[in-house]
Amino acid sequence: MRAMAMDPSAIEQIREALADLGDAQLRNAVLPIPEQWRSDDYQLFCVDRRVRLAEYERRRALAVDEWDADAGGRAIEGLTPNELSRVEDFVRTQFLAELSAWLRLHPGTRYDTE
């Protein structure tokens, strides 16, 4: 199955079959999370929840770093819970808005919730 998953023409069928099985270990064995992706690869973010979550975490860490630089270089430990929550909410809202806009332009795209 892993060899089949490397075939671009079969990957969507493999993704769907693995999603239907609901077995995370099998999914990770057959389709390991990619090591890299583009920050605008919305189709991948939609069809692979693991990548979507990893991209959100990447964006969140970048936003915290940018906030830290703007705030004079305090470490994340220096953020108040309220400040950290505001940064996370902003990143989440922006990322979900980007995904929603992409999904509107590409109706019928499967959205992985597993």
PDB file of N, CA and C in Angstrom:
ATOM      1  N   MET A   1       0.803  -1.188   0.000  1.00  0.00           N
ATOM      2  CA  MET A   1       0.000   0.000   0.000  1.00  0.00           C
ATOM      3  C   MET A   1       0.856   1.266   0.000  1.00  0.00           C
ATOM      4  N   ARG A   2       1.986   1.188   0.704  1.00  0.00           N
ATOM      5  CA  ARG A   2       2.841   2.376   0.770  1.00  0.00           C
ATOM      6  C   ARG A   2       3.370   2.741  -0.618  1.00  0.00           C
ATOM      7  N   ALA A   3       3.717   1.739  -1.422  1.00  0.00           N
ATOM      8  CA  ALA A   3       4.178   2.003  -2.787  1.00  0.00           C
ATOM      9  C   ALA A   3       3.048   2.622  -3.610  1.00  0.00           C
ATOM     10  N   MET A   4       1.834   2.137  -3.415  1.00  0.00           N
ATOM     11  CA  MET A   4       0.688   2.706  -4.130  1.00  0.00           C
ATOM     12  C   MET A   4       0.463   4.162  -3.714  1.00  0.00           C
ATOM     13  N   ALA A   5       0.699   4.471  -2.450  1.00  0.00           N
ATOM     14  CA  ALA A   5       0.489   5.821  -1.951  1.00  0.00           C
ATOM     15  C   ALA A   5       1.466   6.817  -2.555  1.00  0.00           C
ATOM     16  N   MET A   6       2.562   6.337  -3.103  1.00  0.00           N
ATOM     17  CA  MET A   6       3.527   7.222  -3.745  1.00  0.00           C
ATOM     18  C   MET A   6       3.106   7.606  -5.157  1.00  0.00           C
ATOM     19  N   ASP A   7       2.118   6.916  -5.686  1.00  0.00           N
ATOM     20  CA  ASP A   7       1.616   7.211  -7.024  1.00  0.00           C
ATOM     21  C   ASP A   7       0.634   8.381  -6.927  1.00  0.00           C
ATOM     22  N   PRO A   8       0.965   9.531  -7.526  1.00  0.00           N
ATOM     23  CA  PRO A   8       0.085  10.702  -7.416  1.00  0.00           C
ATOM     24  C   PRO A   8      -1.342  10.449  -7.912  1.00  0.00           C
ATOM     25  N   SER A   9      -1.504   9.533  -8.851  1.00  0.00           N
ATOM     26  CA  SER A   9      -2.850   9.270  -9.369  1.00  0.00           C
ATOM     27  C   SER A   9      -3.686   8.417  -8.412  1.00  0.00           C
ATOM     28  N   ALA A  10      -3.049   7.786  -7.433  1.00  0.00           N
ATOM     29  CA  ALA A  10      -3.779   6.912  -6.509  1.00  0.00           C
ATOM     30  C   ALA A  10      -3.861   7.460  -5.087  1.00  0.00           C
ATOM     31  N   ILE A  11      -3.155   8.543  -4.810  1.00  0.00           N
ATOM     32  CA  ILE A  11      -3.044   8.985  -3.422  1.00  0.00           C
ATOM     33  C   ILE A  11      -4.390   9.371  -2.818  1.00  0.00           C
ATOM     34  N   GLU A  12      -5.258   9.983  -3.593  1.00  0.00           N
ATOM     35  CA  GLU A  12      -6.556  10.383  -3.032  1.00  0.00           C
ATOM     36  C   GLU A  12      -7.390   9.165  -2.646  1.00  0.00           C
ATOM     37  N   GLN A  13      -7.367   8.128  -3.475  1.00  0.00           N
ATOM     38  CA  GLN A  13      -8.099   6.907  -3.138  1.00  0.00           C
ATOM     39  C   GLN A  13      -7.511   6.252  -1.881  1.00  0.00           C
ATOM     40  N   ILE A  14      -6.192   6.274  -1.766  1.00  0.00           N
ATOM     41  CA  ILE A  14      -5.531   5.712  -0.594  1.00  0.00           C
ATOM     42  C   ILE A  14      -5.917   6.518   0.651  1.00  0.00           C
ATOM     43  N   ARG A  15      -5.878   7.851   0.539  1.00  0.00           N
ATOM     44  CA  ARG A  15      -6.263   8.714   1.669  1.00  0.00           C
ATOM     45  C   ARG A  15      -7.686   8.407   2.125  1.00  0.00           C
ATOM     46  N   GLU A  16      -8.602   8.306   1.171  1.00  0.00           N
ATOM     47  CA  GLU A  16     -10.002   8.045   1.503  1.00  0.00           C
ATOM     48  C   GLU A  16     -10.170   6.680   2.157  1.00  0.00           C
ATOM     49  N   ALA A  17      -9.495   5.661   1.621  1.00  0.00           N
ATOM     50  CA  ALA A  17      -9.602   4.323   2.199  1.00  0.00           C
ATOM     51  C   ALA A  17      -9.063   4.307   3.627  1.00  0.00           C
ATOM     52  N   LEU A  18      -7.936   4.965   3.840  1.00  0.00           N
ATOM     53  CA  LEU A  18      -7.357   5.010   5.182  1.00  0.00           C
ATOM     54  C   LEU A  18      -8.236   5.817   6.136  1.00  0.00           C
ATOM     55  N   ALA A  19      -8.831   6.891   5.654  1.00  0.00           N
ATOM     56  CA  ALA A  19      -9.735   7.680   6.501  1.00  0.00           C
ATOM     57  C   ALA A  19     -10.952   6.849   6.890  1.00  0.00           C
ATOM     58  N   ASP A  20     -11.468   6.068   5.958  1.00  0.00           N
ATOM     59  CA  ASP A  20     -12.622   5.215   6.245  1.00  0.00           C
ATOM     60  C   ASP A  20     -12.290   4.163   7.298  1.00  0.00           C
ATOM     61  N   LEU A  21     -11.049   3.667   7.303  1.00  0.00           N
ATOM     62  CA  LEU A  21     -10.652   2.660   8.278  1.00  0.00           C
ATOM     63  C   LEU A  21     -10.501   3.254   9.679  1.00  0.00           C
ATOM     64  N   GLY A  22     -10.135   4.530   9.740  1.00  0.00           N
ATOM     65  CA  GLY A  22     -10.007   5.192  11.033  1.00  0.00           C
ATOM     66  C   GLY A  22      -8.878   4.686  11.912  1.00  0.00           C
ATOM     67  N   ASP A  23      -7.859   4.102  11.331  1.00  0.00           N
ATOM     68  CA  ASP A  23      -6.731   3.568  12.083  1.00  0.00           C
ATOM     69  C   ASP A  23      -5.529   4.502  11.906  1.00  0.00           C
ATOM     70  N   ALA A  24      -5.232   5.308  12.915  1.00  0.00           N
ATOM     71  CA  ALA A  24      -4.170   6.306  12.826  1.00  0.00           C
ATOM     72  C   ALA A  24      -2.797   5.667  12.611  1.00  0.00           C
ATOM     73  N   GLN A  25      -2.545   4.545  13.259  1.00  0.00           N
ATOM     74  CA  GLN A  25      -1.234   3.894  13.100  1.00  0.00           C
ATOM     75  C   GLN A  25      -1.043   3.396  11.672  1.00  0.00           C
ATOM     76  N   LEU A  26      -2.073   2.788  11.106  1.00  0.00           N
ATOM     77  CA  LEU A  26      -1.983   2.325   9.723  1.00  0.00           C
ATOM     78  C   LEU A  26      -1.792   3.512   8.788  1.00  0.00           C
ATOM     79  N   ARG A  27      -2.552   4.565   9.032  1.00  0.00           N
ATOM     80  CA  ARG A  27      -2.425   5.760   8.194  1.00  0.00           C
ATOM     81  C   ARG A  27      -1.009   6.314   8.257  1.00  0.00           C
ATOM     82  N   ASN A  28      -0.443   6.416   9.451  1.00  0.00           N
ATOM     83  CA  ASN A  28       0.913   6.941   9.586  1.00  0.00           C
ATOM     84  C   ASN A  28       1.945   6.032   8.934  1.00  0.00           C
ATOM     85  N   ALA A  29       1.693   4.723   8.944  1.00  0.00           N
ATOM     86  CA  ALA A  29       2.627   3.784   8.319  1.00  0.00           C
ATOM     87  C   ALA A  29       2.566   3.878   6.801  1.00  0.00           C
ATOM     88  N   VAL A  30       1.354   4.008   6.264  1.00  0.00           N
ATOM     89  CA  VAL A  30       1.187   4.043   4.805  1.00  0.00           C
ATOM     90  C   VAL A  30       1.463   5.436   4.256  1.00  0.00           C
ATOM     91  N   LEU A  31       0.964   6.437   4.931  1.00  0.00           N
ATOM     92  CA  LEU A  31       1.129   7.831   4.494  1.00  0.00           C
ATOM     93  C   LEU A  31       1.766   8.653   5.613  1.00  0.00           C
ATOM     94  N   PRO A  32       3.069   8.550   5.785  1.00  0.00           N
ATOM     95  CA  PRO A  32       3.697   9.367   6.836  1.00  0.00           C
ATOM     96  C   PRO A  32       3.516  10.846   6.521  1.00  0.00           C
ATOM     97  N   ILE A  33       3.506  11.650   7.549  1.00  0.00           N
ATOM     98  CA  ILE A  33       3.365  13.090   7.347  1.00  0.00           C
ATOM     99  C   ILE A  33       4.560  13.587   6.533  1.00  0.00           C
ATOM    100  N   PRO A  34       4.309  14.425   5.550  1.00  0.00           N
ATOM    101  CA  PRO A  34       5.436  14.938   4.746  1.00  0.00           C
ATOM    102  C   PRO A  34       6.421  15.710   5.620  1.00  0.00           C
ATOM    103  N   GLU A  35       7.664  15.712   5.204  1.00  0.00           N
ATOM    104  CA  GLU A  35       8.684  16.433   5.958  1.00  0.00           C
ATOM    105  C   GLU A  35       8.621  17.931   5.687  1.00  0.00           C
ATOM    106  N   GLN A  36       8.088  18.313   4.540  1.00  0.00           N
ATOM    107  CA  GLN A  36       7.955  19.731   4.216  1.00  0.00           C
ATOM    108  C   GLN A  36       6.779  19.938   3.280  1.00  0.00           C
ATOM    109  N   TRP A  37       6.298  21.180   3.264  1.00  0.00           N
ATOM    110  CA  TRP A  37       5.186  21.574   2.405  1.00  0.00           C
ATOM    111  C   TRP A  37       5.260  23.085   2.242  1.00  0.00           C
ATOM    112  N   ARG A  38       4.506  23.591   1.288  1.00  0.00           N
ATOM    113  CA  ARG A  38       4.439  25.041   1.086  1.00  0.00           C
ATOM    114  C   ARG A  38       3.410  25.620   2.053  1.00  0.00           C
ATOM    115  N   SER A  39       3.579  26.856   2.446  1.00  0.00           N
ATOM    116  CA  SER A  39       2.649  27.489   3.377  1.00  0.00           C
ATOM    117  C   SER A  39       1.298  27.780   2.742  1.00  0.00           C
ATOM    118  N   ASP A  40       1.202  27.611   1.419  1.00  0.00           N
ATOM    119  CA  ASP A  40      -0.073  27.835   0.727  1.00  0.00           C
ATOM    120  C   ASP A  40      -0.612  26.559   0.093  1.00  0.00           C
ATOM    121  N   ASP A  41      -0.221  25.406   0.607  1.00  0.00           N
ATOM    122  CA  ASP A  41      -0.681  24.128   0.064  1.00  0.00           C
ATOM    123  C   ASP A  41      -2.016  23.744   0.718  1.00  0.00           C
ATOM    124  N   TYR A  42      -3.042  24.535   0.420  1.00  0.00           N
ATOM    125  CA  TYR A  42      -4.340  24.380   1.072  1.00  0.00           C
ATOM    126  C   TYR A  42      -4.985  23.028   0.793  1.00  0.00           C
ATOM    127  N   GLN A  43      -4.771  22.481  -0.395  1.00  0.00           N
ATOM    128  CA  GLN A  43      -5.342  21.165  -0.665  1.00  0.00           C
ATOM    129  C   GLN A  43      -4.771  20.128   0.298  1.00  0.00           C
ATOM    130  N   LEU A  44      -3.479  20.153   0.505  1.00  0.00           N
ATOM    131  CA  LEU A  44      -2.857  19.223   1.452  1.00  0.00           C
ATOM    132  C   LEU A  44      -3.378  19.467   2.863  1.00  0.00           C
ATOM    133  N   PHE A  45      -3.536  20.726   3.261  1.00  0.00           N
ATOM    134  CA  PHE A  45      -4.051  21.036   4.594  1.00  0.00           C
ATOM    135  C   PHE A  45      -5.469  20.492   4.775  1.00  0.00           C
ATOM    136  N   CYS A  46      -6.241  20.514   3.702  1.00  0.00           N
ATOM    137  CA  CYS A  46      -7.621  20.017   3.786  1.00  0.00           C
ATOM    138  C   CYS A  46      -7.671  18.496   3.878  1.00  0.00           C
ATOM    139  N   VAL A  47      -6.853  17.818   3.111  1.00  0.00           N
ATOM    140  CA  VAL A  47      -6.953  16.362   3.058  1.00  0.00           C
ATOM    141  C   VAL A  47      -6.121  15.644   4.111  1.00  0.00           C
ATOM    142  N   ASP A  48      -5.229  16.360   4.800  1.00  0.00           N
ATOM    143  CA  ASP A  48      -4.405  15.715   5.819  1.00  0.00           C
ATOM    144  C   ASP A  48      -4.380  16.575   7.079  1.00  0.00           C
ATOM    145  N   ARG A  49      -5.188  16.189   8.034  1.00  0.00           N
ATOM    146  CA  ARG A  49      -5.318  16.943   9.283  1.00  0.00           C
ATOM    147  C   ARG A  49      -3.985  17.089  10.003  1.00  0.00           C
ATOM    148  N   ARG A  50      -3.122  16.077   9.915  1.00  0.00           N
ATOM    149  CA  ARG A  50      -1.815  16.149  10.585  1.00  0.00           C
ATOM    150  C   ARG A  50      -0.991  17.307  10.051  1.00  0.00           C
ATOM    151  N   VAL A  51      -1.012  17.486   8.727  1.00  0.00           N
ATOM    152  CA  VAL A  51      -0.256  18.578   8.110  1.00  0.00           C
ATOM    153  C   VAL A  51      -0.908  19.919   8.471  1.00  0.00           C
ATOM    154  N   ARG A  52      -2.239  19.946   8.467  1.00  0.00           N
ATOM    155  CA  ARG A  52      -2.956  21.171   8.825  1.00  0.00           C
ATOM    156  C   ARG A  52      -2.575  21.610  10.242  1.00  0.00           C
ATOM    157  N   LEU A  53      -2.556  20.666  11.187  1.00  0.00           N
ATOM    158  CA  LEU A  53      -2.199  20.998  12.561  1.00  0.00           C
ATOM    159  C   LEU A  53      -0.731  21.425  12.666  1.00  0.00           C
ATOM    160  N   ALA A  54       0.136  20.752  11.926  1.00  0.00           N
ATOM    161  CA  ALA A  54       1.559  21.119  11.943  1.00  0.00           C
ATOM    162  C   ALA A  54       1.766  22.510  11.344  1.00  0.00           C
ATOM    163  N   GLU A  55       1.026  22.833  10.291  1.00  0.00           N
ATOM    164  CA  GLU A  55       1.136  24.170   9.691  1.00  0.00           C
ATOM    165  C   GLU A  55       0.608  25.231  10.651  1.00  0.00           C
ATOM    166  N   TYR A  56      -0.491  24.930  11.339  1.00  0.00           N
ATOM    167  CA  TYR A  56      -0.998  25.875  12.339  1.00  0.00           C
ATOM    168  C   TYR A  56       0.061  26.105  13.417  1.00  0.00           C
ATOM    169  N   GLU A  57       0.685  25.043  13.904  1.00  0.00           N
ATOM    170  CA  GLU A  57       1.714  25.176  14.941  1.00  0.00           C
ATOM    171  C   GLU A  57       2.909  25.975  14.430  1.00  0.00           C
ATOM    172  N   ARG A  58       3.283  25.764  13.163  1.00  0.00           N
ATOM    173  CA  ARG A  58       4.391  26.523  12.577  1.00  0.00           C
ATOM    174  C   ARG A  58       4.039  28.010  12.536  1.00  0.00           C
ATOM    175  N   ARG A  59       2.822  28.298  12.086  1.00  0.00           N
ATOM    176  CA  ARG A  59       2.380  29.691  12.003  1.00  0.00           C
ATOM    177  C   ARG A  59       2.261  30.317  13.395  1.00  0.00           C
ATOM    178  N   ARG A  60       1.779  29.551  14.350  1.00  0.00           N
ATOM    179  CA  ARG A  60       1.637  30.049  15.716  1.00  0.00           C
ATOM    180  C   ARG A  60       3.010  30.406  16.293  1.00  0.00           C
ATOM    181  N   ALA A  61       3.976  29.506  16.119  1.00  0.00           N
ATOM    182  CA  ALA A  61       5.331  29.750  16.634  1.00  0.00           C
ATOM    183  C   ALA A  61       5.944  30.985  15.961  1.00  0.00           C
ATOM    184  N   LEU A  62       5.719  31.131  14.669  1.00  0.00           N
ATOM    185  CA  LEU A  62       6.234  32.297  13.945  1.00  0.00           C
ATOM    186  C   LEU A  62       5.586  33.580  14.469  1.00  0.00           C
ATOM    187  N   ALA A  63       4.278  33.543  14.699  1.00  0.00           N
ATOM    188  CA  ALA A  63       3.582  34.727  15.223  1.00  0.00           C
ATOM    189  C   ALA A  63       4.077  35.088  16.620  1.00  0.00           C
ATOM    190  N   VAL A  64       4.322  34.086  17.443  1.00  0.00           N
ATOM    191  CA  VAL A  64       4.850  34.345  18.792  1.00  0.00           C
ATOM    192  C   VAL A  64       6.240  34.958  18.684  1.00  0.00           C
ATOM    193  N   ASP A  65       7.077  34.425  17.784  1.00  0.00           N
ATOM    194  CA  ASP A  65       8.415  34.989  17.589  1.00  0.00           C
ATOM    195  C   ASP A  65       8.347  36.432  17.112  1.00  0.00           C
ATOM    196  N   GLU A  66       7.426  36.709  16.167  1.00  0.00           N
ATOM    197  CA  GLU A  66       7.281  38.073  15.664  1.00  0.00           C
ATOM    198  C   GLU A  66       6.780  39.004  16.767  1.00  0.00           C
ATOM    199  N   TRP A  67       5.822  38.534  17.553  1.00  0.00           N
ATOM    200  CA  TRP A  67       5.311  39.341  18.659  1.00  0.00           C
ATOM    201  C   TRP A  67       6.449  39.615  19.641  1.00  0.00           C
ATOM    202  N   ASP A  68       7.235  38.579  19.907  1.00  0.00           N
ATOM    203  CA  ASP A  68       8.355  38.697  20.835  1.00  0.00           C
ATOM    204  C   ASP A  68       9.334  39.766  20.352  1.00  0.00           C
ATOM    205  N   ALA A  69       9.648  39.749  19.063  1.00  0.00           N
ATOM    206  CA  ALA A  69      10.582  40.737  18.513  1.00  0.00           C
ATOM    207  C   ALA A  69       9.984  42.144  18.618  1.00  0.00           C
ATOM    208  N   ASP A  70       8.688  42.273  18.329  1.00  0.00           N
ATOM    209  CA  ASP A  70       8.027  43.574  18.415  1.00  0.00           C
ATOM    210  C   ASP A  70       7.937  44.069  19.854  1.00  0.00           C
ATOM    211  N   ALA A  71       7.907  43.140  20.802  1.00  0.00           N
ATOM    212  CA  ALA A  71       7.768  43.505  22.214  1.00  0.00           C
ATOM    213  C   ALA A  71       9.114  43.708  22.903  1.00  0.00           C
ATOM    214  N   GLY A  72      10.166  43.724  22.130  1.00  0.00           N
ATOM    215  CA  GLY A  72      11.466  43.989  22.723  1.00  0.00           C
ATOM    216  C   GLY A  72      12.269  42.760  23.077  1.00  0.00           C
ATOM    217  N   GLY A  73      11.896  41.590  22.525  1.00  0.00           N
ATOM    218  CA  GLY A  73      12.705  40.406  22.693  1.00  0.00           C
ATOM    219  C   GLY A  73      12.420  39.567  23.915  1.00  0.00           C
ATOM    220  N   ARG A  74      11.269  39.729  24.529  1.00  0.00           N
ATOM    221  CA  ARG A  74      10.947  38.853  25.658  1.00  0.00           C
ATOM    222  C   ARG A  74      10.695  37.439  25.138  1.00  0.00           C
ATOM    223  N   ALA A  75      11.021  36.465  25.919  1.00  0.00           N
ATOM    224  CA  ALA A  75      10.785  35.066  25.538  1.00  0.00           C
ATOM    225  C   ALA A  75       9.306  34.749  25.695  1.00  0.00           C
ATOM    226  N   ILE A  76       8.873  33.604  25.130  1.00  0.00           N
ATOM    227  CA  ILE A  76       7.466  33.205  25.214  1.00  0.00           C
ATOM    228  C   ILE A  76       7.001  33.142  26.666  1.00  0.00           C
ATOM    229  N   GLU A  77       7.936  32.816  27.567  1.00  0.00           N
ATOM    230  CA  GLU A  77       7.572  32.778  28.978  1.00  0.00           C
ATOM    231  C   GLU A  77       7.142  34.152  29.469  1.00  0.00           C
ATOM    232  N   GLY A  78       7.540  35.213  28.733  1.00  0.00           N
ATOM    233  CA  GLY A  78       7.185  36.572  29.112  1.00  0.00           C
ATOM    234  C   GLY A  78       5.793  36.973  28.657  1.00  0.00           C
ATOM    235  N   LEU A  79       5.180  36.192  27.782  1.00  0.00           N
ATOM    236  CA  LEU A  79       3.828  36.509  27.342  1.00  0.00           C
ATOM    237  C   LEU A  79       2.849  36.183  28.461  1.00  0.00           C
ATOM    238  N   THR A  80       1.915  37.066  28.654  1.00  0.00           N
ATOM    239  CA  THR A  80       0.862  36.763  29.615  1.00  0.00           C
ATOM    240  C   THR A  80      -0.067  35.741  28.961  1.00  0.00           C
ATOM    241  N   PRO A  81      -0.836  35.005  29.730  1.00  0.00           N
ATOM    242  CA  PRO A  81      -1.799  34.071  29.136  1.00  0.00           C
ATOM    243  C   PRO A  81      -2.751  34.775  28.179  1.00  0.00           C
ATOM    244  N   ASN A  82      -3.128  36.007  28.500  1.00  0.00           N
ATOM    245  CA  ASN A  82      -4.025  36.758  27.630  1.00  0.00           C
ATOM    246  C   ASN A  82      -3.354  37.105  26.300  1.00  0.00           C
ATOM    247  N   GLU A  83      -2.077  37.518  26.351  1.00  0.00           N
ATOM    248  CA  GLU A  83      -1.346  37.840  25.128  1.00  0.00           C
ATOM    249  C   GLU A  83      -1.171  36.603  24.250  1.00  0.00           C
ATOM    250  N   LEU A  84      -0.790  35.500  24.862  1.00  0.00           N
ATOM    251  CA  LEU A  84      -0.617  34.262  24.111  1.00  0.00           C
ATOM    252  C   LEU A  84      -1.933  33.823  23.493  1.00  0.00           C
ATOM    253  N   SER A  85      -3.009  33.927  24.227  1.00  0.00           N
ATOM    254  CA  SER A  85      -4.327  33.560  23.717  1.00  0.00           C
ATOM    255  C   SER A  85      -4.716  34.436  22.528  1.00  0.00           C
ATOM    256  N   ARG A  86      -4.424  35.733  22.620  1.00  0.00           N
ATOM    257  CA  ARG A  86      -4.745  36.640  21.505  1.00  0.00           C
ATOM    258  C   ARG A  86      -3.955  36.289  20.257  1.00  0.00           C
ATOM    259  N   VAL A  87      -2.663  35.974  20.416  1.00  0.00           N
ATOM    260  CA  VAL A  87      -1.831  35.581  19.276  1.00  0.00           C
ATOM    261  C   VAL A  87      -2.381  34.294  18.657  1.00  0.00           C
ATOM    262  N   GLU A  88      -2.679  33.300  19.488  1.00  0.00           N
ATOM    263  CA  GLU A  88      -3.194  32.026  18.987  1.00  0.00           C
ATOM    264  C   GLU A  88      -4.545  32.204  18.287  1.00  0.00           C
ATOM    265  N   ASP A  89      -5.432  33.004  18.871  1.00  0.00           N
ATOM    266  CA  ASP A  89      -6.733  33.255  18.254  1.00  0.00           C
ATOM    267  C   ASP A  89      -6.582  33.926  16.896  1.00  0.00           C
ATOM    268  N   PHE A  90      -5.681  34.895  16.820  1.00  0.00           N
ATOM    269  CA  PHE A  90      -5.450  35.588  15.555  1.00  0.00           C
ATOM    270  C   PHE A  90      -4.954  34.617  14.488  1.00  0.00           C
ATOM    271  N   VAL A  91      -3.952  33.810  14.837  1.00  0.00           N
ATOM    272  CA  VAL A  91      -3.383  32.859  13.871  1.00  0.00           C
ATOM    273  C   VAL A  91      -4.442  31.855  13.436  1.00  0.00           C
ATOM    274  N   ARG A  92      -5.189  31.310  14.386  1.00  0.00           N
ATOM    275  CA  ARG A  92      -6.233  30.330  14.073  1.00  0.00           C
ATOM    276  C   ARG A  92      -7.288  30.943  13.152  1.00  0.00           C
ATOM    277  N   THR A  93      -7.744  32.141  13.474  1.00  0.00           N
ATOM    278  CA  THR A  93      -8.767  32.813  12.668  1.00  0.00           C
ATOM    279  C   THR A  93      -8.277  33.049  11.242  1.00  0.00           C
ATOM    280  N   GLN A  94      -7.054  33.546  11.111  1.00  0.00           N
ATOM    281  CA  GLN A  94      -6.503  33.811   9.783  1.00  0.00           C
ATOM    282  C   GLN A  94      -6.327  32.527   8.975  1.00  0.00           C
ATOM    283  N   PHE A  95      -5.813  31.494   9.609  1.00  0.00           N
ATOM    284  CA  PHE A  95      -5.576  30.227   8.915  1.00  0.00           C
ATOM    285  C   PHE A  95      -6.898  29.608   8.470  1.00  0.00           C
ATOM    286  N   LEU A  96      -7.886  29.592   9.359  1.00  0.00           N
ATOM    287  CA  LEU A  96      -9.192  29.032   8.989  1.00  0.00           C
ATOM    288  C   LEU A  96      -9.862  29.860   7.904  1.00  0.00           C
ATOM    289  N   ALA A  97      -9.667  31.169   7.907  1.00  0.00           N
ATOM    290  CA  ALA A  97     -10.225  32.012   6.851  1.00  0.00           C
ATOM    291  C   ALA A  97      -9.586  31.680   5.506  1.00  0.00           C
ATOM    292  N   GLU A  98      -8.276  31.470   5.501  1.00  0.00           N
ATOM    293  CA  GLU A  98      -7.588  31.091   4.267  1.00  0.00           C
ATOM    294  C   GLU A  98      -8.108  29.747   3.751  1.00  0.00           C
ATOM    295  N   LEU A  99      -8.245  28.768   4.658  1.00  0.00           N
ATOM    296  CA  LEU A  99      -8.756  27.453   4.251  1.00  0.00           C
ATOM    297  C   LEU A  99     -10.182  27.558   3.737  1.00  0.00           C
ATOM    298  N   SER A 100     -11.024  28.325   4.413  1.00  0.00           N
ATOM    299  CA  SER A 100     -12.419  28.480   3.987  1.00  0.00           C
ATOM    300  C   SER A 100     -12.505  29.115   2.608  1.00  0.00           C
ATOM    301  N   ALA A 101     -11.698  30.137   2.378  1.00  0.00           N
ATOM    302  CA  ALA A 101     -11.692  30.786   1.062  1.00  0.00           C
ATOM    303  C   ALA A 101     -11.261  29.798  -0.016  1.00  0.00           C
ATOM    304  N   TRP A 102     -10.243  29.002   0.268  1.00  0.00           N
ATOM    305  CA  TRP A 102      -9.765  28.022  -0.709  1.00  0.00           C
ATOM    306  C   TRP A 102     -10.845  26.969  -0.973  1.00  0.00           C
ATOM    307  N   LEU A 103     -11.510  26.511   0.087  1.00  0.00           N
ATOM    308  CA  LEU A 103     -12.559  25.497  -0.068  1.00  0.00           C
ATOM    309  C   LEU A 103     -13.731  26.028  -0.887  1.00  0.00           C
ATOM    310  N   ARG A 104     -14.063  27.313  -0.722  1.00  0.00           N
ATOM    311  CA  ARG A 104     -15.148  27.897  -1.531  1.00  0.00           C
ATOM    312  C   ARG A 104     -14.793  27.871  -3.015  1.00  0.00           C
ATOM    313  N   LEU A 105     -13.524  28.053  -3.323  1.00  0.00           N
ATOM    314  CA  LEU A 105     -13.077  28.042  -4.718  1.00  0.00           C
ATOM    315  C   LEU A 105     -12.915  26.624  -5.269  1.00  0.00           C
ATOM    316  N   HIS A 106     -12.879  25.641  -4.389  1.00  0.00           N
ATOM    317  CA  HIS A 106     -12.670  24.241  -4.786  1.00  0.00           C
ATOM    318  C   HIS A 106     -13.737  23.363  -4.143  1.00  0.00           C
ATOM    319  N   PRO A 107     -14.998  23.545  -4.559  1.00  0.00           N
ATOM    320  CA  PRO A 107     -16.067  22.736  -3.955  1.00  0.00           C
ATOM    321  C   PRO A 107     -15.835  21.250  -4.221  1.00  0.00           C
ATOM    322  N   GLY A 108     -16.259  20.451  -3.286  1.00  0.00           N
ATOM    323  CA  GLY A 108     -16.104  19.012  -3.433  1.00  0.00           C
ATOM    324  C   GLY A 108     -14.805  18.479  -2.855  1.00  0.00           C
ATOM    325  N   THR A 109     -13.936  19.369  -2.381  1.00  0.00           N
ATOM    326  CA  THR A 109     -12.691  18.930  -1.759  1.00  0.00           C
ATOM    327  C   THR A 109     -13.014  18.248  -0.433  1.00  0.00           C
ATOM    328  N   ARG A 110     -12.454  17.085  -0.234  1.00  0.00           N
ATOM    329  CA  ARG A 110     -12.645  16.385   1.024  1.00  0.00           C
ATOM    330  C   ARG A 110     -11.882  17.111   2.117  1.00  0.00           C
ATOM    331  N   TYR A 111     -12.479  17.208   3.303  1.00  0.00           N
ATOM    332  CA  TYR A 111     -11.852  17.880   4.433  1.00  0.00           C
ATOM    333  C   TYR A 111     -11.670  16.853   5.538  1.00  0.00           C
ATOM    334  N   ASP A 112     -10.418  16.530   5.824  1.00  0.00           N
ATOM    335  CA  ASP A 112     -10.077  15.491   6.802  1.00  0.00           C
ATOM    336  C   ASP A 112     -10.297  16.000   8.217  1.00  0.00           C
ATOM    337  N   THR A 113     -11.142  15.320   8.964  1.00  0.00           N
ATOM    338  CA  THR A 113     -11.384  15.690  10.350  1.00  0.00           C
ATOM    339  C   THR A 113     -10.819  14.652  11.314  1.00  0.00           C
ATOM    340  N   GLU A 114     -10.192  13.616  10.807  1.00  0.00           N
ATOM    341  CA  GLU A 114      -9.615  12.566  11.663  1.00  0.00           C
ATOM    342  C   GLU A 114      -8.299  13.003  12.240  1.00  0.00           C
TER     343      GLU A 114
END
